[in-house]
Amino acid sequence: MLMFFSIDIGGTKVRVASSHLGHTLERSVRFHTPADSHDFLTYIKLAFEKLAPNAPVDAIGIAAPGPLDQHKGIILNPTNLAWRNYQIVSELSKAFHCPVHLEHDATCGGIAEAKHGAGKGHKYVLYVTISTGIGHSFIVSGTPVAGRHNPQSSNMLIIAEEHLTTLEEWTSGKAIKKEFGKIAADIHDKPTWKVISRRLAIVLHNLISIYAPDIVVLGGGVSVHFDKFSTLLRRELTQLPHAYPIPPIAQAENVELAPALGAMILSHHRTN
């Protein structure tokens, strides 16, 4: 019986999942993202053994923060990790003797939501992940649209309070904690969520203006709390100038699981 694994590498945690089918997550475990990439393989071996003791590893899909060198299988220098030039594909290939597929985490999340989530049934799906970092992907008919490199919306520039900064330093989960002293789960007051919603509205406005999607799907750790800010976000969006009607804004059905599911789908598809 075939056994597929997926690995979703985040700024604070890594999720590892297993599946016999390759398009669902049957079991999963999490561990804190190691500060040093040299410790990563040890944790992965322990996770695989816990999920499927003594099972063969037929393929591995990895959802990783960019920028990536997918041709060489390298995680280059992500903004939310201290890892640098980590040759993750070659290391896992040698350790488990199987195909290993590296993909941008936002692309994986977008694929999962377009095929099996909130974007299902829509041709043009804009997926935006708001977690430790921030990122996006654009999926057309179930296939990601990307340039030579994966889009790095986290590096987009914006002028905030007369200072030039990036979207990640202004809007991400890391930015929220830095400015308000709390993670999204601990924020319950409307004024704070209004500030956050205003910033997210500007981010979404710009991406909607570029892609003109049928639907916007929000994933990642901050989006777990969609009910706290969805009405505020929609209100802030309507106050901005739009060339076309604002598309539906939906919480990802898989929320934090979307990148792991997308990586699983890709590993199964590219292996068969």
C-alpha atoms as a PDB file:
ATOM      1  CA  MET A   1       0.000   0.000   0.000  1.00  0.00           C
ATOM      2  CA  LEU A   2       1.322   3.415  -1.005  1.00  0.00           C
ATOM      3  CA  MET A   3       2.182   5.988   1.674  1.00  0.00           C
ATOM      4  CA  PHE A   4       2.506   9.684   0.909  1.00  0.00           C
ATOM      5  CA  PHE A   5       3.781  12.370   3.289  1.00  0.00           C
ATOM      6  CA  SER A   6       3.523  16.146   3.233  1.00  0.00           C
ATOM      7  CA  ILE A   7       5.479  18.731   5.207  1.00  0.00           C
ATOM      8  CA  ASP A   8       4.272  22.280   5.810  1.00  0.00           C
ATOM      9  CA  ILE A   9       7.096  24.467   7.102  1.00  0.00           C
ATOM     10  CA  GLY A  10       5.957  27.596   8.915  1.00  0.00           C
ATOM     11  CA  GLY A  11       7.750  30.322  10.793  1.00  0.00           C
ATOM     12  CA  THR A  12       6.825  28.867  14.192  1.00  0.00           C
ATOM     13  CA  LYS A  13       5.690  25.281  13.541  1.00  0.00           C
ATOM     14  CA  VAL A  14       6.044  22.411  11.104  1.00  0.00           C
ATOM     15  CA  ARG A  15       3.090  20.172  10.281  1.00  0.00           C
ATOM     16  CA  VAL A  16       3.748  16.677   8.924  1.00  0.00           C
ATOM     17  CA  ALA A  17       0.904  14.600   7.479  1.00  0.00           C
ATOM     18  CA  SER A  18       0.474  11.134   6.002  1.00  0.00           C
ATOM     19  CA  SER A  19      -1.994   9.647   3.541  1.00  0.00           C
ATOM     20  CA  HIS A  20      -2.545   6.417   1.624  1.00  0.00           C
ATOM     21  CA  LEU A  21      -4.739   8.171  -0.936  1.00  0.00           C
ATOM     22  CA  GLY A  22      -2.619  11.229  -1.656  1.00  0.00           C
ATOM     23  CA  HIS A  23      -5.473  13.741  -1.723  1.00  0.00           C
ATOM     24  CA  THR A  24      -6.496  13.777   1.952  1.00  0.00           C
ATOM     25  CA  LEU A  25      -4.697  14.209   5.268  1.00  0.00           C
ATOM     26  CA  GLU A  26      -5.299  11.043   7.250  1.00  0.00           C
ATOM     27  CA  ARG A  27      -2.994  11.740  10.194  1.00  0.00           C
ATOM     28  CA  SER A  28      -0.802  14.680  11.153  1.00  0.00           C
ATOM     29  CA  VAL A  29       1.598  15.853  13.856  1.00  0.00           C
ATOM     30  CA  ARG A  30       3.222  19.195  14.613  1.00  0.00           C
ATOM     31  CA  PHE A  31       6.483  20.354  16.129  1.00  0.00           C
ATOM     32  CA  HIS A  32       8.170  23.703  16.657  1.00  0.00           C
ATOM     33  CA  THR A  33      10.185  24.855  13.668  1.00  0.00           C
ATOM     34  CA  PRO A  34      13.833  24.246  14.535  1.00  0.00           C
ATOM     35  CA  ALA A  35      15.967  27.381  14.574  1.00  0.00           C
ATOM     36  CA  ASP A  36      18.708  25.541  12.687  1.00  0.00           C
ATOM     37  CA  SER A  37      17.879  23.648   9.487  1.00  0.00           C
ATOM     38  CA  HIS A  38      20.503  21.037  10.422  1.00  0.00           C
ATOM     39  CA  ASP A  39      18.065  19.693  13.043  1.00  0.00           C
ATOM     40  CA  PHE A  40      15.172  19.406  10.610  1.00  0.00           C
ATOM     41  CA  LEU A  41      15.817  15.888   9.286  1.00  0.00           C
ATOM     42  CA  THR A  42      15.926  14.416  12.800  1.00  0.00           C
ATOM     43  CA  TYR A  43      12.478  15.820  13.580  1.00  0.00           C
ATOM     44  CA  ILE A  44      11.086  14.615  10.257  1.00  0.00           C
ATOM     45  CA  LYS A  45      12.275  11.055  10.820  1.00  0.00           C
ATOM     46  CA  LEU A  46      10.598  11.033  14.232  1.00  0.00           C
ATOM     47  CA  ALA A  47       7.371  12.441  12.760  1.00  0.00           C
ATOM     48  CA  PHE A  48       7.249   9.880   9.938  1.00  0.00           C
ATOM     49  CA  GLU A  49       7.811   7.038  12.378  1.00  0.00           C
ATOM     50  CA  LYS A  50       5.051   8.327  14.649  1.00  0.00           C
ATOM     51  CA  LEU A  51       2.571   8.692  11.783  1.00  0.00           C
ATOM     52  CA  ALA A  52       3.290   5.423   9.995  1.00  0.00           C
ATOM     53  CA  PRO A  53       5.714   3.136  11.853  1.00  0.00           C
ATOM     54  CA  ASN A  54       7.929   1.122   9.488  1.00  0.00           C
ATOM     55  CA  ALA A  55       5.888   2.193   6.450  1.00  0.00           C
ATOM     56  CA  PRO A  56       7.670   2.810   3.146  1.00  0.00           C
ATOM     57  CA  VAL A  57       7.834   6.432   2.013  1.00  0.00           C
ATOM     58  CA  ASP A  58       6.607   6.639  -1.586  1.00  0.00           C
ATOM     59  CA  ALA A  59       6.679  10.419  -2.050  1.00  0.00           C
ATOM     60  CA  ILE A  60       7.073  13.621  -0.051  1.00  0.00           C
ATOM     61  CA  GLY A  61       5.529  16.999  -0.792  1.00  0.00           C
ATOM     62  CA  ILE A  62       6.920  20.103   0.891  1.00  0.00           C
ATOM     63  CA  ALA A  63       5.138  23.421   1.375  1.00  0.00           C
ATOM     64  CA  ALA A  64       7.837  25.953   2.241  1.00  0.00           C
ATOM     65  CA  PRO A  65       8.092  29.719   2.604  1.00  0.00           C
ATOM     66  CA  GLY A  66       9.835  31.490  -0.251  1.00  0.00           C
ATOM     67  CA  PRO A  67      11.943  32.502  -1.879  1.00  0.00           C
ATOM     68  CA  LEU A  68      12.806  29.057  -3.241  1.00  0.00           C
ATOM     69  CA  ASP A  69      15.026  27.621  -5.933  1.00  0.00           C
ATOM     70  CA  GLN A  70      12.677  24.849  -7.017  1.00  0.00           C
ATOM     71  CA  HIS A  71      14.940  23.647  -9.824  1.00  0.00           C
ATOM     72  CA  LYS A  72      17.707  22.900  -7.308  1.00  0.00           C
ATOM     73  CA  GLY A  73      15.355  22.063  -4.431  1.00  0.00           C
ATOM     74  CA  ILE A  74      16.637  24.786  -2.108  1.00  0.00           C
ATOM     75  CA  ILE A  75      14.941  26.969   0.491  1.00  0.00           C
ATOM     76  CA  LEU A  76      16.887  30.193  -0.034  1.00  0.00           C
ATOM     77  CA  ASN A  77      16.358  32.924   2.558  1.00  0.00           C
ATOM     78  CA  PRO A  78      12.774  33.103   3.876  1.00  0.00           C
ATOM     79  CA  THR A  79      11.882  36.223   5.813  1.00  0.00           C
ATOM     80  CA  ASN A  80      10.238  34.303   8.661  1.00  0.00           C
ATOM     81  CA  LEU A  81      13.005  31.702   9.147  1.00  0.00           C
ATOM     82  CA  ALA A  82      16.711  31.883   9.918  1.00  0.00           C
ATOM     83  CA  TRP A  83      17.416  29.062   7.443  1.00  0.00           C
ATOM     84  CA  ARG A  84      19.679  29.911   4.532  1.00  0.00           C
ATOM     85  CA  ASN A  85      20.278  27.929   1.324  1.00  0.00           C
ATOM     86  CA  TYR A  86      18.912  24.702   2.780  1.00  0.00           C
ATOM     87  CA  GLN A  87      19.092  21.894   0.222  1.00  0.00           C
ATOM     88  CA  ILE A  88      15.961  20.241   1.521  1.00  0.00           C
ATOM     89  CA  VAL A  89      15.082  18.130  -1.522  1.00  0.00           C
ATOM     90  CA  SER A  90      18.449  16.410  -1.794  1.00  0.00           C
ATOM     91  CA  GLU A  91      18.593  15.787   1.960  1.00  0.00           C
ATOM     92  CA  LEU A  92      15.143  14.189   2.138  1.00  0.00           C
ATOM     93  CA  SER A  93      15.669  12.273  -1.108  1.00  0.00           C
ATOM     94  CA  LYS A  94      18.835  10.691   0.254  1.00  0.00           C
ATOM     95  CA  ALA A  95      17.251   9.919   3.616  1.00  0.00           C
ATOM     96  CA  PHE A  96      14.030   8.328   2.320  1.00  0.00           C
ATOM     97  CA  HIS A  97      14.949   7.201  -1.227  1.00  0.00           C
ATOM     98  CA  CYS A  98      11.808   8.609  -2.827  1.00  0.00           C
ATOM     99  CA  PRO A  99      10.626  11.521  -4.993  1.00  0.00           C
ATOM    100  CA  VAL A 100      10.514  14.827  -3.103  1.00  0.00           C
ATOM    101  CA  HIS A 101       8.558  17.806  -4.437  1.00  0.00           C
ATOM    102  CA  LEU A 102       9.192  21.357  -3.183  1.00  0.00           C
ATOM    103  CA  GLU A 103       6.542  24.049  -3.634  1.00  0.00           C
ATOM    104  CA  HIS A 104       5.772  27.476  -2.248  1.00  0.00           C
ATOM    105  CA  ASP A 105       3.472  27.246   0.780  1.00  0.00           C
ATOM    106  CA  ALA A 106       0.950  29.765  -0.538  1.00  0.00           C
ATOM    107  CA  THR A 107       0.775  27.892  -3.838  1.00  0.00           C
ATOM    108  CA  CYS A 108       0.073  24.659  -1.959  1.00  0.00           C
ATOM    109  CA  GLY A 109      -2.633  26.351   0.077  1.00  0.00           C
ATOM    110  CA  GLY A 110      -4.226  27.790  -3.043  1.00  0.00           C
ATOM    111  CA  ILE A 111      -4.295  24.423  -4.804  1.00  0.00           C
ATOM    112  CA  ALA A 112      -5.912  22.757  -1.790  1.00  0.00           C
ATOM    113  CA  GLU A 113      -8.622  25.401  -1.489  1.00  0.00           C
ATOM    114  CA  ALA A 114      -9.306  25.561  -5.230  1.00  0.00           C
ATOM    115  CA  LYS A 115      -9.699  21.796  -5.497  1.00  0.00           C
ATOM    116  CA  HIS A 116     -11.170  20.783  -2.145  1.00  0.00           C
ATOM    117  CA  GLY A 117     -12.027  23.949  -0.244  1.00  0.00           C
ATOM    118  CA  ALA A 118     -13.721  27.329  -0.324  1.00  0.00           C
ATOM    119  CA  GLY A 119     -12.584  28.007  -3.893  1.00  0.00           C
ATOM    120  CA  LYS A 120     -14.031  24.810  -5.341  1.00  0.00           C
ATOM    121  CA  GLY A 121     -16.272  25.555  -8.324  1.00  0.00           C
ATOM    122  CA  HIS A 122     -14.562  28.883  -9.093  1.00  0.00           C
ATOM    123  CA  LYS A 123     -12.249  29.300 -12.063  1.00  0.00           C
ATOM    124  CA  TYR A 124     -10.175  32.205 -10.705  1.00  0.00           C
ATOM    125  CA  VAL A 125      -9.157  31.773  -7.061  1.00  0.00           C
ATOM    126  CA  LEU A 126      -6.951  34.219  -5.176  1.00  0.00           C
ATOM    127  CA  TYR A 127      -5.554  32.573  -2.044  1.00  0.00           C
ATOM    128  CA  VAL A 128      -3.987  34.795   0.614  1.00  0.00           C
ATOM    129  CA  THR A 129      -2.288  33.330   3.670  1.00  0.00           C
ATOM    130  CA  ILE A 130      -1.899  35.485   6.773  1.00  0.00           C
ATOM    131  CA  SER A 131       0.232  33.720   9.340  1.00  0.00           C
ATOM    132  CA  THR A 132       3.680  34.411  10.788  1.00  0.00           C
ATOM    133  CA  GLY A 133       4.350  35.752   7.307  1.00  0.00           C
ATOM    134  CA  ILE A 134       2.031  36.720   4.465  1.00  0.00           C
ATOM    135  CA  GLY A 135       1.787  35.362   0.930  1.00  0.00           C
ATOM    136  CA  HIS A 136      -0.556  34.610  -1.936  1.00  0.00           C
ATOM    137  CA  SER A 137      -1.168  32.466  -4.988  1.00  0.00           C
ATOM    138  CA  PHE A 138      -3.488  32.725  -7.973  1.00  0.00           C
ATOM    139  CA  ILE A 139      -5.133  29.527  -9.172  1.00  0.00           C
ATOM    140  CA  VAL A 140      -6.838  29.243 -12.555  1.00  0.00           C
ATOM    141  CA  SER A 141      -8.908  26.130 -13.214  1.00  0.00           C
ATOM    142  CA  GLY A 142      -7.038  24.328 -10.425  1.00  0.00           C
ATOM    143  CA  THR A 143      -3.569  25.222 -11.731  1.00  0.00           C
ATOM    144  CA  PRO A 144      -1.297  27.845 -10.109  1.00  0.00           C
ATOM    145  CA  VAL A 145      -0.233  30.785 -12.241  1.00  0.00           C
ATOM    146  CA  ALA A 146       3.274  31.967 -11.455  1.00  0.00           C
ATOM    147  CA  GLY A 147       6.186  33.660 -13.124  1.00  0.00           C
ATOM    148  CA  ARG A 148       9.786  32.523 -13.160  1.00  0.00           C
ATOM    149  CA  HIS A 149       9.725  32.588  -9.358  1.00  0.00           C
ATOM    150  CA  ASN A 150       6.820  32.290  -6.969  1.00  0.00           C
ATOM    151  CA  PRO A 151       5.219  35.619  -6.083  1.00  0.00           C
ATOM    152  CA  GLN A 152       6.527  37.159  -2.870  1.00  0.00           C
ATOM    153  CA  SER A 153       3.762  39.520  -1.822  1.00  0.00           C
ATOM    154  CA  SER A 154       5.400  39.669   1.618  1.00  0.00           C
ATOM    155  CA  ASN A 155       8.101  41.847   0.029  1.00  0.00           C
ATOM    156  CA  MET A 156       5.680  44.326  -1.551  1.00  0.00           C
ATOM    157  CA  LEU A 157       6.387  47.837  -0.331  1.00  0.00           C
ATOM    158  CA  ILE A 158       3.999  50.247   1.293  1.00  0.00           C
ATOM    159  CA  ILE A 159       4.377  53.651   2.946  1.00  0.00           C
ATOM    160  CA  ALA A 160       3.073  53.453   6.514  1.00  0.00           C
ATOM    161  CA  GLU A 161       3.274  56.505   8.763  1.00  0.00           C
ATOM    162  CA  GLU A 162       5.760  58.082   6.331  1.00  0.00           C
ATOM    163  CA  HIS A 163       8.071  55.066   6.469  1.00  0.00           C
ATOM    164  CA  LEU A 164       8.718  52.565   3.710  1.00  0.00           C
ATOM    165  CA  THR A 165       8.020  49.034   4.894  1.00  0.00           C
ATOM    166  CA  THR A 166       7.006  45.626   3.558  1.00  0.00           C
ATOM    167  CA  LEU A 167       3.575  44.038   3.777  1.00  0.00           C
ATOM    168  CA  GLU A 168       4.988  41.367   6.056  1.00  0.00           C
ATOM    169  CA  GLU A 169       6.310  43.942   8.520  1.00  0.00           C
ATOM    170  CA  TRP A 170       2.971  45.769   8.388  1.00  0.00           C
ATOM    171  CA  THR A 171       0.228  43.158   8.188  1.00  0.00           C
ATOM    172  CA  SER A 172       1.374  39.633   9.068  1.00  0.00           C
ATOM    173  CA  GLY A 173       0.862  37.717  12.289  1.00  0.00           C
ATOM    174  CA  LYS A 174       4.383  38.672  13.276  1.00  0.00           C
ATOM    175  CA  ALA A 175       3.552  42.346  12.677  1.00  0.00           C
ATOM    176  CA  ILE A 176       0.347  42.088  14.717  1.00  0.00           C
ATOM    177  CA  LYS A 177       2.184  40.650  17.692  1.00  0.00           C
ATOM    178  CA  LYS A 178       4.949  43.240  17.440  1.00  0.00           C
ATOM    179  CA  GLU A 179       2.579  46.204  17.319  1.00  0.00           C
ATOM    180  CA  PHE A 180      -0.204  45.103  19.657  1.00  0.00           C
ATOM    181  CA  GLY A 181       1.734  42.800  21.964  1.00  0.00           C
ATOM    182  CA  LYS A 182      -0.692  39.926  21.330  1.00  0.00           C
ATOM    183  CA  ILE A 183      -1.224  37.154  18.857  1.00  0.00           C
ATOM    184  CA  ALA A 184      -4.490  37.171  16.899  1.00  0.00           C
ATOM    185  CA  ALA A 185      -6.052  34.552  19.197  1.00  0.00           C
ATOM    186  CA  ASP A 186      -5.753  36.927  22.166  1.00  0.00           C
ATOM    187  CA  ILE A 187      -7.209  40.005  20.445  1.00  0.00           C
ATOM    188  CA  HIS A 188     -10.890  40.508  21.237  1.00  0.00           C
ATOM    189  CA  ASP A 189     -11.455  44.279  21.050  1.00  0.00           C
ATOM    190  CA  LYS A 190     -13.091  45.764  17.959  1.00  0.00           C
ATOM    191  CA  PRO A 191     -10.794  48.854  17.644  1.00  0.00           C
ATOM    192  CA  THR A 192      -7.696  46.671  17.244  1.00  0.00           C
ATOM    193  CA  TRP A 193      -9.381  44.424  14.695  1.00  0.00           C
ATOM    194  CA  LYS A 194     -10.513  47.516  12.817  1.00  0.00           C
ATOM    195  CA  VAL A 195      -6.894  48.643  12.420  1.00  0.00           C
ATOM    196  CA  ILE A 196      -5.871  45.156  11.295  1.00  0.00           C
ATOM    197  CA  SER A 197      -8.854  44.955   8.915  1.00  0.00           C
ATOM    198  CA  ARG A 198      -7.997  48.305   7.349  1.00  0.00           C
ATOM    199  CA  ARG A 199      -4.503  47.058   6.558  1.00  0.00           C
ATOM    200  CA  LEU A 200      -5.738  43.732   5.233  1.00  0.00           C
ATOM    201  CA  ALA A 201      -8.268  45.587   3.086  1.00  0.00           C
ATOM    202  CA  ILE A 202      -5.480  47.573   1.428  1.00  0.00           C
ATOM    203  CA  VAL A 203      -3.504  44.383   0.790  1.00  0.00           C
ATOM    204  CA  LEU A 204      -6.535  42.618  -0.681  1.00  0.00           C
ATOM    205  CA  HIS A 205      -7.550  45.663  -2.706  1.00  0.00           C
ATOM    206  CA  ASN A 206      -4.190  45.704  -4.451  1.00  0.00           C
ATOM    207  CA  LEU A 207      -4.213  41.955  -5.153  1.00  0.00           C
ATOM    208  CA  ILE A 208      -7.846  42.027  -6.321  1.00  0.00           C
ATOM    209  CA  SER A 209      -7.007  44.917  -8.651  1.00  0.00           C
ATOM    210  CA  ILE A 210      -4.216  42.848 -10.220  1.00  0.00           C
ATOM    211  CA  TYR A 211      -5.920  39.452 -10.483  1.00  0.00           C
ATOM    212  CA  ALA A 212      -9.684  40.194 -10.602  1.00  0.00           C
ATOM    213  CA  PRO A 213     -10.534  36.825  -8.999  1.00  0.00           C
ATOM    214  CA  ASP A 214     -13.915  35.131  -8.691  1.00  0.00           C
ATOM    215  CA  ILE A 215     -13.278  34.613  -4.972  1.00  0.00           C
ATOM    216  CA  VAL A 216     -10.653  35.489  -2.355  1.00  0.00           C
ATOM    217  CA  VAL A 217      -9.840  32.729   0.128  1.00  0.00           C
ATOM    218  CA  LEU A 218      -8.019  33.614   3.352  1.00  0.00           C
ATOM    219  CA  GLY A 219      -5.855  30.983   5.061  1.00  0.00           C
ATOM    220  CA  GLY A 220      -3.180  30.899   7.735  1.00  0.00           C
ATOM    221  CA  GLY A 221      -3.166  31.322  11.504  1.00  0.00           C
ATOM    222  CA  VAL A 222      -4.648  34.837  11.575  1.00  0.00           C
ATOM    223  CA  SER A 223      -7.508  33.718   9.324  1.00  0.00           C
ATOM    224  CA  VAL A 224      -8.545  31.163  11.948  1.00  0.00           C
ATOM    225  CA  HIS A 225     -10.152  34.201  13.602  1.00  0.00           C
ATOM    226  CA  PHE A 226     -12.053  35.260  10.468  1.00  0.00           C
ATOM    227  CA  ASP A 227     -15.306  35.672  12.403  1.00  0.00           C
ATOM    228  CA  LYS A 228     -13.699  38.423  14.476  1.00  0.00           C
ATOM    229  CA  PHE A 229     -12.833  40.624  11.503  1.00  0.00           C
ATOM    230  CA  SER A 230     -14.812  39.493   8.423  1.00  0.00           C
ATOM    231  CA  THR A 231     -17.507  42.182   8.718  1.00  0.00           C
ATOM    232  CA  LEU A 232     -14.924  44.896   9.442  1.00  0.00           C
ATOM    233  CA  LEU A 233     -12.792  43.745   6.522  1.00  0.00           C
ATOM    234  CA  ARG A 234     -15.684  43.858   4.088  1.00  0.00           C
ATOM    235  CA  ARG A 235     -16.655  47.323   5.328  1.00  0.00           C
ATOM    236  CA  GLU A 236     -13.101  48.610   4.891  1.00  0.00           C
ATOM    237  CA  LEU A 237     -12.887  47.100   1.410  1.00  0.00           C
ATOM    238  CA  THR A 238     -16.078  48.827   0.274  1.00  0.00           C
ATOM    239  CA  GLN A 239     -14.572  52.203   1.206  1.00  0.00           C
ATOM    240  CA  LEU A 240     -11.714  51.753  -1.270  1.00  0.00           C
ATOM    241  CA  PRO A 241     -12.042  52.506  -5.006  1.00  0.00           C
ATOM    242  CA  HIS A 242     -12.702  49.414  -7.116  1.00  0.00           C
ATOM    243  CA  ALA A 243     -12.932  49.038 -10.880  1.00  0.00           C
ATOM    244  CA  TYR A 244     -15.101  45.922 -10.531  1.00  0.00           C
ATOM    245  CA  PRO A 245     -17.432  44.528  -7.859  1.00  0.00           C
ATOM    246  CA  ILE A 246     -15.625  43.153  -4.814  1.00  0.00           C
ATOM    247  CA  PRO A 247     -15.560  39.338  -5.026  1.00  0.00           C
ATOM    248  CA  PRO A 248     -16.657  37.147  -2.120  1.00  0.00           C
ATOM    249  CA  ILE A 249     -14.103  36.963   0.716  1.00  0.00           C
ATOM    250  CA  ALA A 250     -14.138  33.519   2.344  1.00  0.00           C
ATOM    251  CA  GLN A 251     -12.281  31.759   5.108  1.00  0.00           C
ATOM    252  CA  ALA A 252     -10.327  28.745   3.870  1.00  0.00           C
ATOM    253  CA  GLU A 253     -12.174  25.536   4.637  1.00  0.00           C
ATOM    254  CA  ASN A 254      -8.887  23.945   5.637  1.00  0.00           C
ATOM    255  CA  VAL A 255      -7.510  27.176   7.194  1.00  0.00           C
ATOM    256  CA  GLU A 256      -4.186  26.087   8.714  1.00  0.00           C
ATOM    257  CA  LEU A 257      -4.171  22.685   6.973  1.00  0.00           C
ATOM    258  CA  ALA A 258      -4.359  23.986   3.389  1.00  0.00           C
ATOM    259  CA  PRO A 259      -0.588  24.095   2.643  1.00  0.00           C
ATOM    260  CA  ALA A 260      -0.074  20.555   3.969  1.00  0.00           C
ATOM    261  CA  LEU A 261      -3.039  19.300   1.927  1.00  0.00           C
ATOM    262  CA  GLY A 262      -1.823  21.076  -1.212  1.00  0.00           C
ATOM    263  CA  ALA A 263       1.659  19.613  -0.804  1.00  0.00           C
ATOM    264  CA  MET A 264       0.091  16.165  -0.435  1.00  0.00           C
ATOM    265  CA  ILE A 265      -1.966  16.631  -3.603  1.00  0.00           C
ATOM    266  CA  LEU A 266       1.111  17.767  -5.556  1.00  0.00           C
ATOM    267  CA  SER A 267       3.280  14.887  -4.333  1.00  0.00           C
ATOM    268  CA  HIS A 268       0.621  12.378  -5.376  1.00  0.00           C
ATOM    269  CA  HIS A 269      -0.036  14.045  -8.752  1.00  0.00           C
ATOM    270  CA  ARG A 270       3.631  14.411  -9.710  1.00  0.00           C
ATOM    271  CA  THR A 271       4.502  10.878  -8.633  1.00  0.00           C
ATOM    272  CA  ASN A 272       1.707   9.228 -10.660  1.00  0.00           C
END
